Amino acid sequence: MKVLNLDIDAFVTPIALYRGPDDGRLSEVDYSCRTPDEFRRYLEQQCGLSRKKKPRGCIITQHDELFPVWRSLIASGDMDASVHLYHLDAHDDLGGGLGDDSHEEVQGRVLLKPVESRPHVPWSAMNSGNYLLYALACRWISALTLIRHPEDFQAVPKNLLNDEGTRIQLRPWSQGVPVTGASREPSIPLDVIPIDDFTTRDEFSWVFVATSPVFTPPASDALVDVVREYLDLAV
C-alpha cells in the first residue's frame, strides 16, 4: 500500500525551524508559499492526484496527530500494517534536533518492547518533529521516500541508517551500547528526492495532510482548500 504524507510547509519558502506550538503563524513579509494554481499543478502532475478518482484522506493540524490515526486505521484493517510512505515535508520528522530525546527513547526503550505493544505506550518524547521515528519503530513503514524541500540542509540522522547509509536500520541501544538478544529490526529501503524532481503515477491508498500553522503563513490556508478537493475525507 502506498501512502502520501503531505505537509503544507513543504511549499513554503524559506523553511522555518525550531518553532513551538505557541509561536503563531509565519509572517507573509518574510515567508511565501506557492500559489493555489502552482500547488494544484504539483498535485496533479507530480503526485498523480485527480479530482475524478479521489484517494481516502485525512487533514490534521500538527503532524504527530497522525500517530493515533494510523494506529486506529491499522487496527481496523483500513490501512496496511506496513506501507510505502511518501513523506513530502519541509522536515524529515525523524527527530535528532536540539533538545530532542526521541532517539534515546526509541532506541533505549521502544525497541526493547514487544512489537505488538509499541503503538500503545504513551511515549513522552514524541512530537511533530519526530513522530515518524516512532512509526518506524512500530514497523508500520516498509519503505520510506523522503521528498525534500530545496532548502533542506539536514541529513537523515546517521544513527538511524545502516553502515552503507542507504537504508533505515533501527538498532536497540541501552546506556550507549547495543543490546544483545533484542529483536532485529527490519532494514527499510530509503529514497531521498528533491521536491521538484519527484513524480509518480502510482495510486495512493491514503493521503494525509498536515496544515502545520506555526510553520506556514496565512496565505497557505488556500493550499489546504485546494488539496481538500482531491481527497475523499474518510477520517
Protein backbone atom coordinates (compact mmCIF):
# COMPACT_ATOMS: atom_id res chain seq x y z
CA MET A 1 0.00 0.00 0.00
CA LYS A 2 1.33 3.43 -1.00
CA VAL A 3 0.58 6.38 1.28
CA LEU A 4 1.29 10.09 0.73
CA ASN A 5 2.12 12.10 3.83
CA LEU A 6 1.99 15.78 2.81
CA ASP A 7 2.84 18.75 4.99
CA ILE A 8 1.79 22.14 3.64
CA ASP A 9 5.08 23.61 4.94
CA ALA A 10 6.89 21.80 2.10
CA PHE A 11 5.51 24.54 -0.17
CA VAL A 12 6.69 27.45 1.99
CA THR A 13 9.97 29.36 1.48
CA PRO A 14 12.22 29.69 3.40
CA ILE A 15 11.98 26.73 5.78
CA ALA A 16 11.01 27.65 9.33
CA LEU A 17 12.91 25.82 12.08
CA TYR A 18 12.77 25.44 15.87
CA ARG A 19 9.24 26.69 16.43
CA GLY A 20 6.94 25.76 19.27
CA PRO A 21 3.17 25.23 19.36
CA ASP A 22 2.55 28.75 20.73
CA ASP A 23 4.66 30.65 18.19
CA GLY A 24 1.78 31.67 15.91
CA ARG A 25 1.72 31.97 12.13
CA LEU A 26 4.69 32.95 9.99
CA SER A 27 4.91 36.47 8.61
CA GLU A 28 3.88 36.87 4.98
CA VAL A 29 6.58 39.53 4.69
CA ASP A 30 9.33 37.02 5.42
CA TYR A 31 7.75 33.79 4.13
CA SER A 32 5.97 32.97 0.90
CA CYS A 33 4.18 29.90 -0.42
CA ARG A 34 3.27 28.53 -3.81
CA THR A 35 0.11 29.88 -5.37
CA PRO A 36 -3.03 27.72 -5.42
CA ASP A 37 -2.60 27.19 -9.19
CA GLU A 38 1.04 26.12 -8.75
CA PHE A 39 0.06 23.79 -5.95
CA ARG A 40 -2.77 22.29 -7.98
CA ARG A 41 -0.38 21.56 -10.86
CA TYR A 42 2.01 19.89 -8.45
CA LEU A 43 -0.70 17.65 -7.01
CA GLU A 44 -1.88 16.60 -10.45
CA GLN A 45 1.33 16.44 -12.47
CA GLN A 46 3.82 15.24 -9.85
CA CYS A 47 1.71 13.44 -7.23
CA GLY A 48 -0.71 11.98 -9.75
CA LEU A 49 -3.82 13.10 -7.85
CA SER A 50 -7.15 13.59 -9.59
CA ARG A 51 -10.46 15.07 -8.54
CA LYS A 52 -12.19 12.33 -10.55
CA LYS A 53 -10.68 9.46 -8.58
CA LYS A 54 -10.02 10.61 -5.04
CA PRO A 55 -7.96 8.60 -2.54
CA ARG A 56 -9.12 8.36 1.05
CA GLY A 57 -7.70 11.25 3.02
CA CYS A 58 -7.32 12.95 6.34
CA ILE A 59 -6.40 16.56 7.21
CA ILE A 60 -4.89 17.27 10.60
CA THR A 61 -3.21 20.27 12.19
CA GLN A 62 0.02 19.01 13.77
CA HIS A 63 1.72 16.11 12.08
CA ASP A 64 2.11 13.97 15.21
CA GLU A 65 -1.69 13.81 15.40
CA LEU A 66 -1.32 11.16 12.71
CA PHE A 67 0.15 8.59 15.09
CA PRO A 68 -3.15 7.67 16.81
CA VAL A 69 -4.98 7.95 13.46
CA TRP A 70 -2.62 5.40 11.88
CA ARG A 71 -2.89 3.17 14.94
CA SER A 72 -6.68 3.17 14.65
CA LEU A 73 -6.71 2.60 10.88
CA ILE A 74 -4.24 -0.29 11.14
CA ALA A 75 -6.22 -1.89 13.96
CA SER A 76 -9.42 -1.68 11.89
CA GLY A 77 -7.76 -3.04 8.75
CA ASP A 78 -8.41 0.17 6.79
CA MET A 79 -4.65 0.70 6.35
CA ASP A 80 -1.93 -1.89 5.88
CA ALA A 81 0.27 -2.56 8.89
CA SER A 82 3.31 -1.80 6.74
CA VAL A 83 3.17 0.84 4.00
CA HIS A 84 5.44 2.53 1.47
CA LEU A 85 5.31 6.06 2.87
CA TYR A 86 5.99 9.08 0.65
CA HIS A 87 6.82 11.86 3.10
CA LEU A 88 6.52 15.27 1.40
CA ASP A 89 7.60 17.75 4.05
CA ALA A 90 9.97 20.61 4.81
CA HIS A 91 11.30 18.43 7.66
CA ASP A 92 12.04 14.71 7.82
CA ASP A 93 10.23 14.30 11.19
CA LEU A 94 12.80 11.70 12.27
CA GLY A 95 13.94 13.58 15.37
CA GLY A 96 17.51 14.25 16.42
CA GLY A 97 17.22 18.04 16.74
CA LEU A 98 18.32 20.23 19.62
CA GLY A 99 16.81 19.09 22.90
CA ASP A 100 15.08 16.14 21.24
CA ASP A 101 15.14 12.90 23.26
CA SER A 102 13.28 10.71 20.79
CA HIS A 103 16.32 8.73 19.59
CA GLU A 104 17.27 7.85 23.14
CA GLU A 105 13.68 6.88 23.94
CA VAL A 106 13.14 4.83 20.78
CA GLN A 107 16.47 3.03 20.80
CA GLY A 108 16.70 2.62 24.55
CA ARG A 109 13.05 1.83 25.39
CA VAL A 110 10.66 1.45 22.44
CA LEU A 111 12.72 -1.14 20.57
CA LEU A 112 13.05 -3.24 23.72
CA LYS A 113 9.27 -3.69 23.87
CA PRO A 114 7.37 -6.44 22.00
CA VAL A 115 6.35 -5.14 18.59
CA GLU A 116 2.64 -5.52 19.29
CA SER A 117 2.84 -3.31 22.40
CA ARG A 118 4.86 -0.45 20.89
CA PRO A 119 1.92 1.54 19.44
CA HIS A 120 0.03 1.60 22.74
CA VAL A 121 2.54 3.13 25.14
CA PRO A 122 2.35 6.93 25.71
CA TRP A 123 5.96 7.70 24.87
CA SER A 124 6.93 11.01 26.46
CA ALA A 125 9.26 12.42 23.80
CA MET A 126 7.00 12.12 20.73
CA ASN A 127 6.14 15.34 18.89
CA SER A 128 5.53 16.61 15.37
CA GLY A 129 9.27 16.66 14.65
CA ASN A 130 9.94 13.00 15.46
CA TYR A 131 6.66 11.03 15.27
CA LEU A 132 7.85 9.31 12.07
CA LEU A 133 10.63 7.66 14.05
CA TYR A 134 8.03 6.11 16.36
CA ALA A 135 6.03 4.88 13.36
CA LEU A 136 9.18 3.20 12.07
CA ALA A 137 9.73 1.60 15.47
CA CYS A 138 6.18 0.19 15.30
CA ARG A 139 7.10 -1.37 11.94
CA TRP A 140 4.30 0.48 10.18
CA ILE A 141 6.60 1.54 7.33
CA SER A 142 8.13 -0.96 4.89
CA ALA A 143 9.73 1.66 2.61
CA LEU A 144 10.32 5.38 3.04
CA THR A 145 10.62 8.03 0.33
CA LEU A 146 11.57 11.48 1.65
CA ILE A 147 10.53 14.26 -0.74
CA ARG A 148 12.58 17.20 0.39
CA HIS A 149 12.38 20.98 0.28
CA PRO A 150 15.18 22.51 -1.86
CA GLU A 151 16.49 24.43 1.16
CA ASP A 152 16.53 21.42 3.49
CA PHE A 153 20.16 21.03 4.58
CA GLN A 154 19.61 18.42 7.29
CA ALA A 155 20.74 14.88 6.53
CA VAL A 156 18.90 11.82 7.78
CA PRO A 157 20.41 11.09 11.22
CA LYS A 158 23.28 8.64 10.75
CA ASN A 159 22.38 6.54 13.77
CA LEU A 160 19.13 5.57 12.01
CA LEU A 161 20.91 4.24 8.92
CA ASN A 162 22.71 1.03 8.03
CA ASP A 163 26.50 1.02 7.66
CA GLU A 164 26.26 1.99 3.99
CA GLY A 165 23.88 4.86 4.75
CA THR A 166 21.37 3.64 2.18
CA ARG A 167 18.57 2.12 4.31
CA ILE A 168 16.84 2.75 7.62
CA GLN A 169 18.15 0.28 10.20
CA LEU A 170 16.97 0.92 13.74
CA ARG A 171 19.10 -0.62 16.48
CA PRO A 172 18.28 -1.02 20.18
CA TRP A 173 20.79 0.64 22.49
CA SER A 174 20.98 0.98 26.24
CA GLN A 175 23.39 3.28 28.06
CA GLY A 176 25.35 3.82 24.86
CA VAL A 177 25.93 0.18 23.89
CA PRO A 178 23.98 -2.25 21.67
CA VAL A 179 21.51 -4.52 23.43
CA THR A 180 22.31 -8.19 22.91
CA GLY A 181 19.43 -10.56 22.36
CA ALA A 182 16.99 -7.83 21.29
CA SER A 183 14.84 -8.49 18.23
CA ARG A 184 16.45 -7.42 14.96
CA GLU A 185 14.58 -4.57 13.31
CA PRO A 186 13.81 -4.76 9.59
CA SER A 187 16.01 -2.96 7.08
CA ILE A 188 13.86 -0.37 5.33
CA PRO A 189 14.55 0.97 1.81
CA LEU A 190 15.14 4.72 1.79
CA ASP A 191 14.96 7.18 -1.11
CA VAL A 192 15.57 10.93 -0.84
CA ILE A 193 14.17 13.00 -3.73
CA PRO A 194 14.11 16.81 -4.17
CA ILE A 195 10.53 18.07 -4.24
CA ASP A 196 10.69 19.37 -7.81
CA ASP A 197 12.22 16.11 -9.09
CA PHE A 198 9.54 13.90 -7.57
CA THR A 199 6.89 12.46 -9.86
CA THR A 200 4.73 9.38 -9.66
CA ARG A 201 1.74 7.84 -11.39
CA ASP A 202 1.23 5.27 -8.65
CA GLU A 203 -2.13 5.48 -6.93
CA PHE A 204 -2.11 6.39 -3.25
CA SER A 205 -4.47 4.47 -1.00
CA TRP A 206 -4.35 7.25 1.60
CA VAL A 207 -3.25 10.89 1.58
CA PHE A 208 -2.61 12.52 4.96
CA VAL A 209 -2.22 16.32 5.07
CA ALA A 210 -0.82 18.40 7.91
CA THR A 211 -1.58 22.13 7.88
CA SER A 212 1.26 22.96 10.36
CA PRO A 213 0.11 26.51 11.16
CA VAL A 214 3.22 27.51 13.13
CA PHE A 215 5.38 26.60 10.10
CA THR A 216 3.22 28.33 7.48
CA PRO A 217 1.96 31.85 6.72
CA PRO A 218 -1.81 32.54 6.49
CA ALA A 219 -1.65 32.51 2.67
CA SER A 220 -1.00 28.76 2.81
CA ASP A 221 -4.58 28.17 4.01
CA ALA A 222 -5.62 28.47 0.36
CA LEU A 223 -3.46 25.40 -0.38
CA VAL A 224 -5.39 23.41 2.19
CA ASP A 225 -8.60 24.32 0.38
CA VAL A 226 -7.07 23.08 -2.87
CA VAL A 227 -5.88 19.70 -1.58
CA ARG A 228 -9.25 19.12 0.07
CA GLU A 229 -10.75 18.93 -3.45
CA TYR A 230 -8.58 15.87 -4.21
CA LEU A 231 -9.45 13.78 -1.16
CA ASP A 232 -12.25 11.56 -0.02
CA LEU A 233 -12.09 12.69 3.60
CA ALA A 234 -12.61 9.38 5.37
CA VAL A 235 -11.27 10.41 8.80
